[in-house]
Amino acid sequence: QVQLVESGGGLVQAGGSLRLSCAASGRSFSSYVMAWFRQAPGKEREFVAAISGSGDSTAYADSVKGRFTISRESAKNTAYLQMDSLKPEDTAAYYCAAKVGFVRTVYNVYSYWGQGTQVTVSS
């Protein structure tokens, strides 16, 4: 069982940066793929980024490629999402998720979810 707690959301101007953190409890953090999804009001939850358990494989949505960076720190059982050059269309609730196995971009294969953190980008 894994529990996930996100932090780091907030209000930022367009062009600014934020770093989200996802702290995981439980054992074997390196066994889990960690991912970030987001959901804006009235829209479906969408994939943002994912990183393998070892950290050597990552995947990004086209809409964030080159602006967002996912990473993980095993010593702290924490995954991060560095978000740069933020745009108003990045405004959403951001969710951390975890699964065993391979990196996947679909939300319904992730077993564990955090409560979400709000990111609002003003124009």
N, C-alpha and C. Protein backbone atom coordinates (compact mmCIF):
# COMPACT_ATOMS: atom_id res chain seq x y z
N GLN A 1 0.85 -1.19 0.00
CA GLN A 1 0.00 0.00 0.00
C GLN A 1 0.88 1.24 0.00
N VAL A 2 0.52 2.21 -0.80
CA VAL A 2 1.27 3.46 -0.93
C VAL A 2 0.33 4.63 -0.69
N GLN A 3 0.75 5.56 0.11
CA GLN A 3 -0.01 6.81 0.28
C GLN A 3 0.80 7.95 -0.31
N LEU A 4 0.11 8.81 -1.04
CA LEU A 4 0.76 9.90 -1.76
C LEU A 4 0.21 11.24 -1.29
N VAL A 5 1.11 12.19 -1.05
CA VAL A 5 0.70 13.52 -0.61
C VAL A 5 1.42 14.55 -1.47
N GLU A 6 0.63 15.34 -2.21
CA GLU A 6 1.20 16.37 -3.07
C GLU A 6 1.32 17.70 -2.32
N SER A 7 2.23 18.51 -2.77
CA SER A 7 2.38 19.87 -2.25
C SER A 7 3.05 20.72 -3.32
N GLY A 8 2.99 22.04 -3.12
CA GLY A 8 3.71 22.94 -4.01
C GLY A 8 2.86 23.71 -5.00
N GLY A 9 1.56 23.44 -5.02
CA GLY A 9 0.70 24.19 -5.93
C GLY A 9 0.53 25.63 -5.47
N GLY A 10 -0.09 26.42 -6.33
CA GLY A 10 -0.33 27.82 -5.98
C GLY A 10 -0.70 28.65 -7.18
N LEU A 11 -0.65 29.97 -6.98
CA LEU A 11 -0.98 30.93 -8.03
C LEU A 11 0.32 31.54 -8.56
N VAL A 12 0.47 31.55 -9.86
CA VAL A 12 1.68 32.09 -10.47
C VAL A 12 1.31 32.81 -11.76
N GLN A 13 2.09 33.80 -12.14
CA GLN A 13 1.85 34.51 -13.39
C GLN A 13 2.37 33.70 -14.57
N ALA A 14 1.79 33.93 -15.71
CA ALA A 14 2.25 33.28 -16.94
C ALA A 14 3.75 33.54 -17.13
N GLY A 15 4.47 32.49 -17.51
CA GLY A 15 5.91 32.58 -17.66
C GLY A 15 6.68 32.20 -16.42
N GLY A 16 5.99 32.05 -15.31
CA GLY A 16 6.62 31.71 -14.05
C GLY A 16 6.84 30.22 -13.90
N SER A 17 7.32 29.85 -12.70
CA SER A 17 7.66 28.46 -12.41
C SER A 17 7.06 28.01 -11.08
N LEU A 18 6.82 26.73 -10.98
CA LEU A 18 6.43 26.07 -9.74
C LEU A 18 7.07 24.70 -9.70
N ARG A 19 7.30 24.18 -8.49
CA ARG A 19 7.74 22.80 -8.35
C ARG A 19 6.77 22.06 -7.44
N LEU A 20 6.18 21.02 -7.99
CA LEU A 20 5.29 20.17 -7.21
C LEU A 20 6.09 19.02 -6.62
N SER A 21 5.69 18.62 -5.43
CA SER A 21 6.31 17.47 -4.78
C SER A 21 5.24 16.43 -4.46
N CYS A 22 5.65 15.17 -4.48
CA CYS A 22 4.76 14.07 -4.14
C CYS A 22 5.51 13.15 -3.19
N ALA A 23 5.14 13.19 -1.92
CA ALA A 23 5.78 12.36 -0.92
C ALA A 23 5.03 11.04 -0.80
N ALA A 24 5.77 9.95 -0.89
CA ALA A 24 5.18 8.61 -0.83
C ALA A 24 5.54 7.92 0.46
N SER A 25 4.55 7.29 1.06
CA SER A 25 4.80 6.47 2.25
C SER A 25 4.82 5.00 1.85
N GLY A 26 5.31 4.18 2.71
CA GLY A 26 5.36 2.76 2.40
C GLY A 26 6.72 2.33 1.92
N ARG A 27 6.84 1.05 1.65
CA ARG A 27 8.13 0.50 1.27
C ARG A 27 8.32 0.48 -0.25
N SER A 28 9.54 0.21 -0.63
CA SER A 28 9.87 -0.08 -2.03
C SER A 28 9.48 1.04 -2.98
N PHE A 29 9.83 2.25 -2.61
CA PHE A 29 9.51 3.41 -3.48
C PHE A 29 10.06 3.20 -4.88
N SER A 30 11.23 2.62 -4.98
CA SER A 30 11.86 2.45 -6.29
C SER A 30 11.15 1.40 -7.15
N SER A 31 10.20 0.69 -6.59
CA SER A 31 9.43 -0.29 -7.36
C SER A 31 8.29 0.35 -8.14
N TYR A 32 8.00 1.58 -7.85
CA TYR A 32 6.82 2.24 -8.42
C TYR A 32 7.17 3.25 -9.50
N VAL A 33 6.42 3.16 -10.58
CA VAL A 33 6.39 4.24 -11.55
C VAL A 33 5.63 5.38 -10.88
N MET A 34 6.14 6.60 -11.00
CA MET A 34 5.48 7.78 -10.47
C MET A 34 5.05 8.66 -11.64
N ALA A 35 3.85 9.22 -11.52
CA ALA A 35 3.32 10.02 -12.62
C ALA A 35 2.55 11.22 -12.10
N TRP A 36 2.39 12.18 -12.97
CA TRP A 36 1.55 13.35 -12.70
C TRP A 36 0.46 13.42 -13.77
N PHE A 37 -0.75 13.66 -13.31
CA PHE A 37 -1.89 13.91 -14.17
C PHE A 37 -2.49 15.26 -13.75
N ARG A 38 -3.31 15.82 -14.61
CA ARG A 38 -4.00 17.05 -14.24
C ARG A 38 -5.42 17.03 -14.76
N GLN A 39 -6.26 17.81 -14.10
CA GLN A 39 -7.66 17.89 -14.51
C GLN A 39 -8.15 19.30 -14.30
N ALA A 40 -8.58 19.92 -15.39
CA ALA A 40 -9.18 21.24 -15.34
C ALA A 40 -10.70 21.09 -15.23
N PRO A 41 -11.39 22.11 -14.71
CA PRO A 41 -12.85 22.01 -14.57
C PRO A 41 -13.53 21.71 -15.90
N GLY A 42 -14.41 20.72 -15.88
CA GLY A 42 -15.15 20.36 -17.08
C GLY A 42 -14.38 19.55 -18.10
N LYS A 43 -13.14 19.18 -17.75
CA LYS A 43 -12.32 18.40 -18.68
C LYS A 43 -11.93 17.06 -18.07
N GLU A 44 -11.52 16.15 -18.91
CA GLU A 44 -11.08 14.85 -18.42
C GLU A 44 -9.68 14.95 -17.84
N ARG A 45 -9.38 14.00 -16.96
CA ARG A 45 -8.03 13.93 -16.41
C ARG A 45 -7.05 13.57 -17.52
N GLU A 46 -5.93 14.29 -17.58
CA GLU A 46 -4.98 14.05 -18.65
C GLU A 46 -3.58 13.80 -18.10
N PHE A 47 -2.84 13.00 -18.84
CA PHE A 47 -1.47 12.66 -18.49
C PHE A 47 -0.57 13.88 -18.66
N VAL A 48 0.36 14.03 -17.71
CA VAL A 48 1.34 15.11 -17.81
C VAL A 48 2.76 14.54 -17.98
N ALA A 49 3.17 13.69 -17.04
CA ALA A 49 4.53 13.14 -17.08
C ALA A 49 4.60 11.90 -16.21
N ALA A 50 5.59 11.04 -16.50
CA ALA A 50 5.81 9.84 -15.70
C ALA A 50 7.29 9.50 -15.69
N ILE A 51 7.71 8.80 -14.64
CA ILE A 51 9.11 8.40 -14.51
C ILE A 51 9.15 6.97 -13.96
N SER A 52 10.07 6.18 -14.50
CA SER A 52 10.19 4.79 -14.08
C SER A 52 10.74 4.68 -12.65
N GLY A 53 10.67 3.50 -12.09
CA GLY A 53 11.15 3.28 -10.74
C GLY A 53 12.63 3.58 -10.58
N SER A 54 13.39 3.27 -11.60
CA SER A 54 14.83 3.52 -11.56
C SER A 54 15.18 4.96 -11.90
N GLY A 55 14.24 5.66 -12.49
CA GLY A 55 14.47 7.04 -12.89
C GLY A 55 15.11 7.21 -14.25
N ASP A 56 15.35 6.11 -14.96
CA ASP A 56 16.07 6.23 -16.23
C ASP A 56 15.15 6.32 -17.43
N SER A 57 13.85 6.29 -17.19
CA SER A 57 12.90 6.40 -18.29
C SER A 57 11.81 7.39 -17.91
N THR A 58 11.54 8.32 -18.81
CA THR A 58 10.50 9.32 -18.56
C THR A 58 9.61 9.44 -19.79
N ALA A 59 8.43 10.00 -19.56
CA ALA A 59 7.49 10.28 -20.65
C ALA A 59 6.77 11.58 -20.33
N TYR A 60 6.47 12.34 -21.38
CA TYR A 60 5.80 13.63 -21.22
C TYR A 60 4.69 13.78 -22.23
N ALA A 61 3.66 14.49 -21.83
CA ALA A 61 2.64 14.91 -22.78
C ALA A 61 3.26 15.95 -23.71
N ASP A 62 2.82 15.96 -24.96
CA ASP A 62 3.37 16.91 -25.93
C ASP A 62 3.18 18.35 -25.46
N SER A 63 2.08 18.60 -24.76
CA SER A 63 1.76 19.97 -24.35
C SER A 63 2.72 20.53 -23.30
N VAL A 64 3.49 19.65 -22.63
CA VAL A 64 4.39 20.13 -21.58
C VAL A 64 5.86 19.84 -21.90
N LYS A 65 6.10 19.12 -22.98
CA LYS A 65 7.47 18.74 -23.32
C LYS A 65 8.34 19.98 -23.51
N GLY A 66 9.50 19.96 -22.88
CA GLY A 66 10.40 21.10 -22.97
C GLY A 66 10.15 22.16 -21.92
N ARG A 67 9.04 22.07 -21.22
CA ARG A 67 8.72 23.05 -20.16
C ARG A 67 8.68 22.42 -18.78
N PHE A 68 8.24 21.16 -18.70
CA PHE A 68 8.11 20.46 -17.42
C PHE A 68 9.19 19.37 -17.34
N THR A 69 9.64 19.11 -16.11
CA THR A 69 10.62 18.05 -15.88
C THR A 69 10.19 17.22 -14.67
N ILE A 70 10.09 15.92 -14.86
CA ILE A 70 9.76 15.03 -13.76
C ILE A 70 11.04 14.40 -13.24
N SER A 71 11.12 14.22 -11.93
CA SER A 71 12.29 13.59 -11.32
C SER A 71 11.84 12.89 -10.05
N ARG A 72 12.77 12.15 -9.46
CA ARG A 72 12.47 11.46 -8.21
C ARG A 72 13.72 11.36 -7.36
N GLU A 73 13.53 11.30 -6.07
CA GLU A 73 14.63 11.22 -5.11
C GLU A 73 14.32 10.09 -4.14
N SER A 74 15.00 8.97 -4.33
CA SER A 74 14.69 7.77 -3.55
C SER A 74 14.95 7.96 -2.06
N ALA A 75 15.98 8.71 -1.73
CA ALA A 75 16.32 8.91 -0.32
C ALA A 75 15.20 9.60 0.44
N LYS A 76 14.38 10.35 -0.28
CA LYS A 76 13.27 11.09 0.35
C LYS A 76 11.91 10.52 -0.03
N ASN A 77 11.90 9.42 -0.78
CA ASN A 77 10.63 8.84 -1.23
C ASN A 77 9.72 9.89 -1.85
N THR A 78 10.30 10.72 -2.69
CA THR A 78 9.57 11.86 -3.24
C THR A 78 9.79 11.98 -4.74
N ALA A 79 8.71 12.29 -5.43
CA ALA A 79 8.77 12.62 -6.85
C ALA A 79 8.46 14.11 -7.01
N TYR A 80 9.01 14.68 -8.07
CA TYR A 80 8.85 16.12 -8.30
C TYR A 80 8.37 16.38 -9.72
N LEU A 81 7.72 17.53 -9.87
CA LEU A 81 7.39 18.03 -11.20
C LEU A 81 7.80 19.50 -11.24
N GLN A 82 8.89 19.77 -11.93
CA GLN A 82 9.35 21.15 -12.13
C GLN A 82 8.62 21.72 -13.33
N MET A 83 7.89 22.79 -13.12
CA MET A 83 7.09 23.39 -14.18
C MET A 83 7.61 24.79 -14.47
N ASP A 84 8.13 24.98 -15.66
CA ASP A 84 8.66 26.27 -16.10
C ASP A 84 7.84 26.81 -17.26
N SER A 85 8.00 28.10 -17.53
CA SER A 85 7.28 28.74 -18.65
C SER A 85 5.80 28.41 -18.60
N LEU A 86 5.22 28.57 -17.46
CA LEU A 86 3.82 28.19 -17.27
C LEU A 86 2.90 29.07 -18.10
N LYS A 87 1.82 28.44 -18.56
CA LYS A 87 0.82 29.11 -19.38
C LYS A 87 -0.54 29.04 -18.69
N PRO A 88 -1.44 29.95 -19.00
CA PRO A 88 -2.78 29.88 -18.39
C PRO A 88 -3.46 28.53 -18.61
N GLU A 89 -3.19 27.90 -19.76
CA GLU A 89 -3.82 26.60 -20.03
C GLU A 89 -3.25 25.47 -19.19
N ASP A 90 -2.22 25.74 -18.39
CA ASP A 90 -1.71 24.75 -17.44
C ASP A 90 -2.52 24.75 -16.15
N THR A 91 -3.44 25.69 -16.01
CA THR A 91 -4.27 25.76 -14.82
C THR A 91 -5.10 24.50 -14.66
N ALA A 92 -4.97 23.84 -13.51
CA ALA A 92 -5.66 22.57 -13.26
C ALA A 92 -5.34 22.10 -11.84
N ALA A 93 -6.07 21.09 -11.41
CA ALA A 93 -5.67 20.33 -10.23
C ALA A 93 -4.69 19.26 -10.70
N TYR A 94 -3.55 19.19 -10.02
CA TYR A 94 -2.51 18.23 -10.40
C TYR A 94 -2.48 17.09 -9.40
N TYR A 95 -2.48 15.88 -9.92
CA TYR A 95 -2.51 14.69 -9.11
C TYR A 95 -1.26 13.84 -9.32
N CYS A 96 -0.74 13.33 -8.24
CA CYS A 96 0.36 12.37 -8.26
C CYS A 96 -0.24 10.97 -8.26
N ALA A 97 0.38 10.06 -8.99
CA ALA A 97 -0.11 8.69 -9.06
C ALA A 97 1.06 7.72 -9.08
N ALA A 98 0.80 6.48 -8.67
CA ALA A 98 1.86 5.46 -8.64
C ALA A 98 1.32 4.12 -9.11
N LYS A 99 2.19 3.33 -9.71
CA LYS A 99 1.86 1.99 -10.15
C LYS A 99 3.13 1.18 -10.20
N VAL A 100 2.98 -0.12 -10.18
CA VAL A 100 4.13 -0.98 -10.42
C VAL A 100 4.22 -1.28 -11.91
N GLY A 101 5.38 -1.75 -12.32
CA GLY A 101 5.54 -2.13 -13.71
C GLY A 101 6.14 -1.03 -14.57
N PHE A 102 5.63 -0.90 -15.77
CA PHE A 102 6.21 0.00 -16.76
C PHE A 102 5.53 1.37 -16.77
N VAL A 103 6.23 2.35 -17.33
CA VAL A 103 5.66 3.68 -17.50
C VAL A 103 4.48 3.59 -18.46
N ARG A 104 3.35 4.16 -18.04
CA ARG A 104 2.16 4.21 -18.86
C ARG A 104 1.59 5.61 -18.80
N THR A 105 0.83 5.99 -19.84
CA THR A 105 0.29 7.35 -19.90
C THR A 105 -1.21 7.42 -19.69
N VAL A 106 -1.84 6.29 -19.43
CA VAL A 106 -3.29 6.28 -19.20
C VAL A 106 -3.58 6.22 -17.71
N TYR A 107 -4.54 7.00 -17.25
CA TYR A 107 -4.73 7.13 -15.81
C TYR A 107 -5.34 5.89 -15.17
N ASN A 108 -6.11 5.11 -15.90
CA ASN A 108 -6.86 4.03 -15.26
C ASN A 108 -6.00 2.80 -14.92
N VAL A 109 -4.70 2.84 -15.20
CA VAL A 109 -3.84 1.73 -14.79
C VAL A 109 -3.03 2.07 -13.53
N TYR A 110 -3.20 3.29 -13.04
CA TYR A 110 -2.48 3.69 -11.83
C TYR A 110 -3.31 3.33 -10.59
N SER A 111 -2.64 2.68 -9.63
CA SER A 111 -3.35 2.12 -8.48
C SER A 111 -3.50 3.10 -7.32
N TYR A 112 -2.55 4.01 -7.20
CA TYR A 112 -2.52 4.89 -6.03
C TYR A 112 -2.53 6.35 -6.49
N TRP A 113 -3.28 7.15 -5.74
CA TRP A 113 -3.47 8.56 -6.10
C TRP A 113 -3.35 9.45 -4.87
N GLY A 114 -2.83 10.65 -5.09
CA GLY A 114 -2.85 11.67 -4.06
C GLY A 114 -4.15 12.46 -4.11
N GLN A 115 -4.26 13.44 -3.22
CA GLN A 115 -5.50 14.21 -3.12
C GLN A 115 -5.54 15.38 -4.09
N GLY A 116 -4.41 15.70 -4.68
CA GLY A 116 -4.36 16.77 -5.67
C GLY A 116 -3.89 18.09 -5.08
N THR A 117 -3.29 18.90 -5.92
CA THR A 117 -2.87 20.25 -5.54
C THR A 117 -3.21 21.19 -6.70
N GLN A 118 -3.75 22.35 -6.37
CA GLN A 118 -4.23 23.27 -7.40
C GLN A 118 -3.10 24.15 -7.91
N VAL A 119 -3.03 24.26 -9.23
CA VAL A 119 -2.10 25.17 -9.89
C VAL A 119 -2.93 26.14 -10.72
N THR A 120 -2.76 27.43 -10.48
CA THR A 120 -3.47 28.46 -11.22
C THR A 120 -2.46 29.41 -11.84
N VAL A 121 -2.55 29.58 -13.15
CA VAL A 121 -1.63 30.44 -13.88
C VAL A 121 -2.42 31.62 -14.43
N SER A 122 -2.07 32.81 -14.00
CA SER A 122 -2.78 34.00 -14.44
C SER A 122 -2.10 34.61 -15.65
N SER A 123 -2.91 35.22 -16.52
CA SER A 123 -2.36 35.81 -17.75
C SER A 123 -1.94 37.26 -17.54
